[in-house]
Amino acid sequence: MGLKSLAVVILAATGVGQSPPPALPEGPGKELVEAVCTACHTLERVVAKRATKAEWQDKVLEMLQEDPDITQQERDQIVDYLAKAFPPKVAGK
């Protein structure tokens, strides 16, 4: 392996040169989303999804169906935050 190839491998392994994770918008539930959703997903994946509140409810139910440590109140807060922060994209915008 050449020196240039080795440098690329080291940079990739250490995360140097990679973009920082996206910042979530401020709001009630932000910390909960960061803590709960990033246990399995990157923030990039979270912010890329756009959905209605009903669709977020379905997705959160699906994702957390086997996690008894997350209360219903916390689930509701996650849904409310995601629905407000990441609503469906409006056509033409």
C-alpha atoms as a PDB file:
ATOM      1  CA  MET A   1       0.000   0.000   0.000  1.00  0.00           C
ATOM      2  CA  GLY A   2       1.385   3.367  -0.990  1.00  0.00           C
ATOM      3  CA  LEU A   3       1.779   6.306   1.383  1.00  0.00           C
ATOM      4  CA  LYS A   4      -1.108   8.165  -0.270  1.00  0.00           C
ATOM      5  CA  SER A   5      -3.428   5.164   0.104  1.00  0.00           C
ATOM      6  CA  LEU A   6      -2.410   4.739   3.722  1.00  0.00           C
ATOM      7  CA  ALA A   7      -3.196   8.397   4.425  1.00  0.00           C
ATOM      8  CA  VAL A   8      -6.668   8.014   2.897  1.00  0.00           C
ATOM      9  CA  VAL A   9      -7.364   4.928   5.030  1.00  0.00           C
ATOM     10  CA  ILE A  10      -6.224   6.726   8.210  1.00  0.00           C
ATOM     11  CA  LEU A  11      -8.309   9.816   7.448  1.00  0.00           C
ATOM     12  CA  ALA A  12     -11.379   7.703   6.717  1.00  0.00           C
ATOM     13  CA  ALA A  13     -10.946   5.645   9.888  1.00  0.00           C
ATOM     14  CA  THR A  14     -10.582   8.726  12.098  1.00  0.00           C
ATOM     15  CA  GLY A  15     -13.424  10.662  10.505  1.00  0.00           C
ATOM     16  CA  VAL A  16     -11.159  13.517   9.417  1.00  0.00           C
ATOM     17  CA  GLY A  17     -12.607  15.284   6.428  1.00  0.00           C
ATOM     18  CA  GLN A  18     -16.149  14.120   7.104  1.00  0.00           C
ATOM     19  CA  SER A  19     -18.993  16.561   7.598  1.00  0.00           C
ATOM     20  CA  PRO A  20     -20.242  17.066  11.131  1.00  0.00           C
ATOM     21  CA  PRO A  21     -23.678  15.590  11.812  1.00  0.00           C
ATOM     22  CA  PRO A  22     -26.567  17.931  11.005  1.00  0.00           C
ATOM     23  CA  ALA A  23     -27.914  20.030  13.837  1.00  0.00           C
ATOM     24  CA  LEU A  24     -31.496  19.401  14.793  1.00  0.00           C
ATOM     25  CA  PRO A  25     -33.782  22.429  15.089  1.00  0.00           C
ATOM     26  CA  GLU A  26     -34.381  23.638  18.639  1.00  0.00           C
ATOM     27  CA  GLY A  27     -37.636  22.619  20.269  1.00  0.00           C
ATOM     28  CA  PRO A  28     -39.218  20.454  22.933  1.00  0.00           C
ATOM     29  CA  GLY A  29     -38.171  16.866  22.276  1.00  0.00           C
ATOM     30  CA  LYS A  30     -34.886  17.637  20.507  1.00  0.00           C
ATOM     31  CA  GLU A  31     -32.725  16.004  23.201  1.00  0.00           C
ATOM     32  CA  LEU A  32     -35.024  12.990  23.303  1.00  0.00           C
ATOM     33  CA  VAL A  33     -34.778  12.537  19.522  1.00  0.00           C
ATOM     34  CA  GLU A  34     -30.988  12.864  19.693  1.00  0.00           C
ATOM     35  CA  ALA A  35     -30.766  10.278  22.471  1.00  0.00           C
ATOM     36  CA  VAL A  36     -33.376   7.763  21.307  1.00  0.00           C
ATOM     37  CA  CYS A  37     -33.241   7.895  17.506  1.00  0.00           C
ATOM     38  CA  THR A  38     -29.457   8.012  17.225  1.00  0.00           C
ATOM     39  CA  ALA A  39     -29.189   4.769  19.169  1.00  0.00           C
ATOM     40  CA  CYS A  40     -29.901   3.104  15.799  1.00  0.00           C
ATOM     41  CA  HIS A  41     -29.741   5.854  13.156  1.00  0.00           C
ATOM     42  CA  THR A  42     -27.508   8.737  12.153  1.00  0.00           C
ATOM     43  CA  LEU A  43     -28.939  12.232  12.392  1.00  0.00           C
ATOM     44  CA  GLU A  44     -28.620  12.439   8.601  1.00  0.00           C
ATOM     45  CA  ARG A  45     -31.196   9.690   8.308  1.00  0.00           C
ATOM     46  CA  VAL A  46     -33.529  11.392  10.776  1.00  0.00           C
ATOM     47  CA  VAL A  47     -33.412  14.818   9.086  1.00  0.00           C
ATOM     48  CA  ALA A  48     -33.780  13.342   5.594  1.00  0.00           C
ATOM     49  CA  LYS A  49     -37.255  11.964   6.327  1.00  0.00           C
ATOM     50  CA  ARG A  50     -40.294  14.210   5.944  1.00  0.00           C
ATOM     51  CA  ALA A  51     -43.709  13.054   7.076  1.00  0.00           C
ATOM     52  CA  THR A  52     -47.079  14.039   8.455  1.00  0.00           C
ATOM     53  CA  LYS A  53     -47.758  13.651  12.164  1.00  0.00           C
ATOM     54  CA  ALA A  54     -49.705  10.439  11.482  1.00  0.00           C
ATOM     55  CA  GLU A  55     -46.807   9.058   9.432  1.00  0.00           C
ATOM     56  CA  TRP A  56     -44.333   9.987  12.187  1.00  0.00           C
ATOM     57  CA  GLN A  57     -46.589   8.231  14.723  1.00  0.00           C
ATOM     58  CA  ASP A  58     -46.538   5.070  12.621  1.00  0.00           C
ATOM     59  CA  LYS A  59     -42.755   5.258  12.160  1.00  0.00           C
ATOM     60  CA  VAL A  60     -42.038   5.874  15.860  1.00  0.00           C
ATOM     61  CA  LEU A  61     -44.382   3.013  16.826  1.00  0.00           C
ATOM     62  CA  GLU A  62     -42.605   0.754  14.339  1.00  0.00           C
ATOM     63  CA  MET A  63     -39.124   1.754  15.509  1.00  0.00           C
ATOM     64  CA  LEU A  64     -39.839   1.590  19.245  1.00  0.00           C
ATOM     65  CA  GLN A  65     -42.306  -1.300  19.416  1.00  0.00           C
ATOM     66  CA  GLU A  66     -39.875  -3.473  21.324  1.00  0.00           C
ATOM     67  CA  ASP A  67     -38.374  -0.788  23.555  1.00  0.00           C
ATOM     68  CA  PRO A  68     -40.244  -0.777  26.868  1.00  0.00           C
ATOM     69  CA  ASP A  69     -37.842   1.800  28.336  1.00  0.00           C
ATOM     70  CA  ILE A  70     -39.378   4.603  26.257  1.00  0.00           C
ATOM     71  CA  THR A  71     -42.620   5.785  27.860  1.00  0.00           C
ATOM     72  CA  GLN A  72     -45.738   6.712  25.899  1.00  0.00           C
ATOM     73  CA  GLN A  73     -45.233  10.335  26.963  1.00  0.00           C
ATOM     74  CA  GLU A  74     -41.685  10.262  25.542  1.00  0.00           C
ATOM     75  CA  ARG A  75     -42.942   8.659  22.327  1.00  0.00           C
ATOM     76  CA  ASP A  76     -45.573  11.393  21.993  1.00  0.00           C
ATOM     77  CA  GLN A  77     -42.926  14.056  22.547  1.00  0.00           C
ATOM     78  CA  ILE A  78     -40.715  12.494  19.858  1.00  0.00           C
ATOM     79  CA  VAL A  79     -43.631  12.411  17.394  1.00  0.00           C
ATOM     80  CA  ASP A  80     -44.594  16.018  18.150  1.00  0.00           C
ATOM     81  CA  TYR A  81     -41.015  17.189  17.671  1.00  0.00           C
ATOM     82  CA  LEU A  82     -40.486  15.272  14.425  1.00  0.00           C
ATOM     83  CA  ALA A  83     -43.843  16.373  12.979  1.00  0.00           C
ATOM     84  CA  LYS A  84     -43.051  20.017  13.685  1.00  0.00           C
ATOM     85  CA  ALA A  85     -39.372  19.937  12.693  1.00  0.00           C
ATOM     86  CA  PHE A  86     -39.677  17.652   9.649  1.00  0.00           C
ATOM     87  CA  PRO A  87     -43.107  18.029   8.014  1.00  0.00           C
ATOM     88  CA  PRO A  88     -43.781  16.828   4.475  1.00  0.00           C
ATOM     89  CA  LYS A  89     -42.152  18.899   1.759  1.00  0.00           C
ATOM     90  CA  VAL A  90     -44.578  21.140  -0.038  1.00  0.00           C
ATOM     91  CA  ALA A  91     -44.589  20.649  -3.809  1.00  0.00           C
ATOM     92  CA  GLY A  92     -42.891  23.505  -5.604  1.00  0.00           C
ATOM     93  CA  LYS A  93     -40.746  24.586  -2.646  1.00  0.00           C
END
